[in-house]
Amino acid sequence: MMTVSVWVWAVSLFWLDIFITLEASVYFALVAFTTLGFGDILLPQEWRLLGGMAAANGLLMFGLLTAILVEILRDTRARQRKY
């Protein structure tokens, strides 16, 4: 789920011609999505808002993934207790 989300951001940034190479797009998307924010690759001024949106999306996805994993573990533990 996380990998797909990063790739969606990367392909979108590449498709919009924000970055010249797909590698730069993937790198920026991954850094923004995980909210590391290295700052070695920056978006052009007119696209800066996308960086914040990618970071916010990454935070929400990490929270969603955590909630899903906790629910799966809770359900698994409940089934183990039943047997």
N, C-alpha and C. Protein backbone atom coordinates (compact mmCIF):
# COMPACT_ATOMS: atom_id res chain seq x y z
N MET A 1 0.83 -1.18 0.00
CA MET A 1 0.00 0.00 0.00
C MET A 1 0.89 1.26 0.00
N MET A 2 1.92 1.24 0.83
CA MET A 2 2.81 2.40 0.89
C MET A 2 3.61 2.55 -0.40
N THR A 3 4.09 1.44 -0.91
CA THR A 3 4.88 1.48 -2.14
C THR A 3 4.06 2.00 -3.31
N VAL A 4 2.83 1.54 -3.40
CA VAL A 4 1.95 1.98 -4.48
C VAL A 4 1.70 3.48 -4.36
N SER A 5 1.48 3.95 -3.15
CA SER A 5 1.22 5.39 -2.95
C SER A 5 2.42 6.23 -3.35
N VAL A 6 3.62 5.80 -2.97
CA VAL A 6 4.83 6.54 -3.35
C VAL A 6 4.98 6.56 -4.86
N TRP A 7 4.72 5.42 -5.51
CA TRP A 7 4.85 5.36 -6.96
C TRP A 7 3.79 6.22 -7.66
N VAL A 8 2.61 6.30 -7.11
CA VAL A 8 1.58 7.18 -7.69
C VAL A 8 2.05 8.63 -7.64
N TRP A 9 2.61 9.05 -6.50
CA TRP A 9 3.15 10.39 -6.39
C TRP A 9 4.31 10.60 -7.37
N ALA A 10 5.21 9.62 -7.44
CA ALA A 10 6.38 9.75 -8.30
C ALA A 10 5.99 9.86 -9.76
N VAL A 11 5.11 9.00 -10.21
CA VAL A 11 4.68 9.04 -11.61
C VAL A 11 3.93 10.34 -11.90
N SER A 12 3.14 10.80 -10.95
CA SER A 12 2.43 12.07 -11.14
C SER A 12 3.41 13.23 -11.27
N LEU A 13 4.42 13.27 -10.42
CA LEU A 13 5.42 14.34 -10.51
C LEU A 13 6.20 14.26 -11.82
N PHE A 14 6.51 13.06 -12.25
CA PHE A 14 7.22 12.88 -13.52
C PHE A 14 6.34 13.26 -14.70
N TRP A 15 5.08 12.86 -14.64
CA TRP A 15 4.13 13.15 -15.72
C TRP A 15 3.89 14.65 -15.88
N LEU A 16 3.93 15.38 -14.76
CA LEU A 16 3.76 16.83 -14.80
C LEU A 16 5.03 17.57 -15.23
N ASP A 17 6.08 16.81 -15.57
CA ASP A 17 7.38 17.37 -15.98
C ASP A 17 8.02 18.24 -14.90
N ILE A 18 7.79 17.87 -13.65
CA ILE A 18 8.43 18.60 -12.56
C ILE A 18 9.87 18.17 -12.41
N PHE A 19 10.12 16.87 -12.60
CA PHE A 19 11.49 16.34 -12.55
C PHE A 19 11.85 15.75 -13.90
N ILE A 20 13.13 15.79 -14.23
CA ILE A 20 13.59 15.31 -15.53
C ILE A 20 13.61 13.79 -15.58
N THR A 21 14.01 13.16 -14.49
CA THR A 21 14.13 11.70 -14.47
C THR A 21 13.10 11.09 -13.52
N LEU A 22 12.74 9.85 -13.80
CA LEU A 22 11.83 9.13 -12.92
C LEU A 22 12.50 8.85 -11.58
N GLU A 23 13.82 8.64 -11.61
CA GLU A 23 14.56 8.39 -10.36
C GLU A 23 14.42 9.56 -9.40
N ALA A 24 14.57 10.78 -9.91
CA ALA A 24 14.42 11.97 -9.07
C ALA A 24 13.00 12.08 -8.53
N SER A 25 12.03 11.73 -9.36
CA SER A 25 10.63 11.77 -8.92
C SER A 25 10.37 10.77 -7.81
N VAL A 26 10.89 9.56 -7.97
CA VAL A 26 10.70 8.53 -6.93
C VAL A 26 11.40 8.95 -5.65
N TYR A 27 12.61 9.45 -5.77
CA TYR A 27 13.37 9.88 -4.59
C TYR A 27 12.63 10.98 -3.85
N PHE A 28 12.20 12.01 -4.57
CA PHE A 28 11.49 13.10 -3.91
C PHE A 28 10.19 12.62 -3.28
N ALA A 29 9.44 11.78 -4.01
CA ALA A 29 8.18 11.28 -3.48
C ALA A 29 8.40 10.47 -2.20
N LEU A 30 9.42 9.65 -2.18
CA LEU A 30 9.72 8.84 -1.00
C LEU A 30 10.14 9.71 0.17
N VAL A 31 11.00 10.68 -0.08
CA VAL A 31 11.45 11.57 0.99
C VAL A 31 10.30 12.41 1.52
N ALA A 32 9.46 12.91 0.64
CA ALA A 32 8.32 13.71 1.08
C ALA A 32 7.28 12.84 1.78
N PHE A 33 7.01 11.67 1.23
CA PHE A 33 5.98 10.78 1.76
C PHE A 33 6.31 10.31 3.16
N THR A 34 7.60 10.06 3.42
CA THR A 34 8.01 9.63 4.76
C THR A 34 8.31 10.81 5.67
N THR A 35 8.08 12.01 5.20
CA THR A 35 8.29 13.28 5.92
C THR A 35 9.72 13.45 6.41
N LEU A 36 10.69 12.87 5.71
CA LEU A 36 12.09 13.10 6.05
C LEU A 36 12.50 14.52 5.71
N GLY A 37 12.12 14.97 4.51
CA GLY A 37 12.38 16.34 4.10
C GLY A 37 13.85 16.71 4.02
N PHE A 38 14.66 15.89 3.33
CA PHE A 38 16.09 16.17 3.23
C PHE A 38 16.36 17.55 2.65
N GLY A 39 15.64 17.94 1.62
CA GLY A 39 15.83 19.25 1.01
C GLY A 39 16.91 19.30 -0.06
N ASP A 40 17.47 18.14 -0.41
CA ASP A 40 18.48 18.14 -1.47
C ASP A 40 17.86 18.24 -2.85
N ILE A 41 16.61 17.82 -2.99
CA ILE A 41 15.85 18.02 -4.23
C ILE A 41 14.59 18.78 -3.85
N LEU A 42 14.39 19.90 -4.50
CA LEU A 42 13.24 20.75 -4.19
C LEU A 42 12.33 20.87 -5.40
N LEU A 43 11.06 21.11 -5.12
CA LEU A 43 10.10 21.37 -6.19
C LEU A 43 10.25 22.80 -6.67
N PRO A 44 9.93 23.06 -7.92
CA PRO A 44 9.89 24.46 -8.38
C PRO A 44 8.87 25.24 -7.57
N GLN A 45 9.04 26.55 -7.52
CA GLN A 45 8.20 27.43 -6.70
C GLN A 45 6.70 27.21 -6.94
N GLU A 46 6.30 27.05 -8.19
CA GLU A 46 4.87 26.92 -8.50
C GLU A 46 4.28 25.57 -8.10
N TRP A 47 5.13 24.59 -7.76
CA TRP A 47 4.66 23.26 -7.38
C TRP A 47 4.95 22.94 -5.92
N ARG A 48 5.40 23.88 -5.12
CA ARG A 48 5.80 23.61 -3.73
C ARG A 48 4.68 23.03 -2.88
N LEU A 49 3.47 23.39 -3.14
CA LEU A 49 2.35 22.89 -2.34
C LEU A 49 2.22 21.37 -2.43
N LEU A 50 2.64 20.80 -3.57
CA LEU A 50 2.57 19.34 -3.73
C LEU A 50 3.46 18.61 -2.73
N GLY A 51 4.58 19.20 -2.35
CA GLY A 51 5.46 18.59 -1.37
C GLY A 51 4.77 18.43 -0.02
N GLY A 52 4.08 19.46 0.40
CA GLY A 52 3.33 19.39 1.65
C GLY A 52 2.17 18.42 1.58
N MET A 53 1.54 18.38 0.42
CA MET A 53 0.44 17.43 0.25
C MET A 53 0.94 15.99 0.29
N ALA A 54 2.10 15.73 -0.31
CA ALA A 54 2.68 14.39 -0.28
C ALA A 54 3.05 14.00 1.15
N ALA A 55 3.59 14.94 1.90
CA ALA A 55 3.95 14.66 3.30
C ALA A 55 2.70 14.39 4.14
N ALA A 56 1.67 15.20 3.96
CA ALA A 56 0.42 14.97 4.70
C ALA A 56 -0.21 13.64 4.31
N ASN A 57 -0.16 13.31 3.03
CA ASN A 57 -0.68 12.03 2.56
C ASN A 57 0.11 10.88 3.17
N GLY A 58 1.42 11.03 3.27
CA GLY A 58 2.25 10.01 3.88
C GLY A 58 1.91 9.80 5.35
N LEU A 59 1.72 10.88 6.09
CA LEU A 59 1.33 10.75 7.51
C LEU A 59 0.01 10.02 7.65
N LEU A 60 -0.95 10.38 6.82
CA LEU A 60 -2.25 9.71 6.88
C LEU A 60 -2.14 8.23 6.51
N MET A 61 -1.31 7.92 5.51
CA MET A 61 -1.15 6.52 5.11
C MET A 61 -0.46 5.69 6.20
N PHE A 62 0.54 6.27 6.87
CA PHE A 62 1.18 5.55 7.97
C PHE A 62 0.18 5.30 9.09
N GLY A 63 -0.66 6.28 9.39
CA GLY A 63 -1.69 6.09 10.40
C GLY A 63 -2.70 5.03 10.00
N LEU A 64 -3.12 5.06 8.75
CA LEU A 64 -4.07 4.07 8.26
C LEU A 64 -3.48 2.67 8.28
N LEU A 65 -2.24 2.55 7.85
CA LEU A 65 -1.57 1.25 7.85
C LEU A 65 -1.43 0.71 9.28
N THR A 66 -1.09 1.59 10.21
CA THR A 66 -0.98 1.18 11.62
C THR A 66 -2.33 0.70 12.14
N ALA A 67 -3.39 1.42 11.83
CA ALA A 67 -4.73 1.01 12.27
C ALA A 67 -5.12 -0.34 11.68
N ILE A 68 -4.81 -0.55 10.42
CA ILE A 68 -5.13 -1.83 9.77
C ILE A 68 -4.35 -2.97 10.43
N LEU A 69 -3.05 -2.76 10.67
CA LEU A 69 -2.24 -3.81 11.31
C LEU A 69 -2.72 -4.12 12.72
N VAL A 70 -3.08 -3.11 13.48
CA VAL A 70 -3.60 -3.34 14.83
C VAL A 70 -4.90 -4.11 14.77
N GLU A 71 -5.77 -3.79 13.86
CA GLU A 71 -7.04 -4.50 13.73
C GLU A 71 -6.83 -5.96 13.32
N ILE A 72 -5.89 -6.20 12.40
CA ILE A 72 -5.59 -7.57 11.98
C ILE A 72 -5.04 -8.36 13.16
N LEU A 73 -4.13 -7.77 13.92
CA LEU A 73 -3.58 -8.47 15.09
C LEU A 73 -4.65 -8.72 16.15
N ARG A 74 -5.54 -7.76 16.36
CA ARG A 74 -6.62 -7.92 17.33
C ARG A 74 -7.54 -9.06 16.91
N ASP A 75 -7.88 -9.09 15.63
CA ASP A 75 -8.76 -10.14 15.11
C ASP A 75 -8.08 -11.51 15.19
N THR A 76 -6.80 -11.56 14.85
CA THR A 76 -6.06 -12.82 14.94
C THR A 76 -5.99 -13.32 16.37
N ARG A 77 -5.72 -12.42 17.30
CA ARG A 77 -5.65 -12.80 18.71
C ARG A 77 -7.01 -13.27 19.22
N ALA A 78 -8.08 -12.63 18.79
CA ALA A 78 -9.42 -13.05 19.20
C ALA A 78 -9.75 -14.45 18.68
N ARG A 79 -9.34 -14.75 17.44
CA ARG A 79 -9.56 -16.09 16.89
C ARG A 79 -8.70 -17.13 17.60
N GLN A 80 -7.51 -16.76 18.01
CA GLN A 80 -6.65 -17.70 18.75
C GLN A 80 -7.27 -18.03 20.11
N ARG A 81 -7.83 -17.05 20.77
CA ARG A 81 -8.45 -17.29 22.08
C ARG A 81 -9.70 -18.15 21.97
N LYS A 82 -10.38 -18.02 20.84
CA LYS A 82 -11.61 -18.78 20.63
C LYS A 82 -11.33 -20.28 20.53
N TYR A 83 -10.17 -20.62 19.96
CA TYR A 83 -9.82 -22.03 19.79
C TYR A 83 -8.98 -22.43 20.94
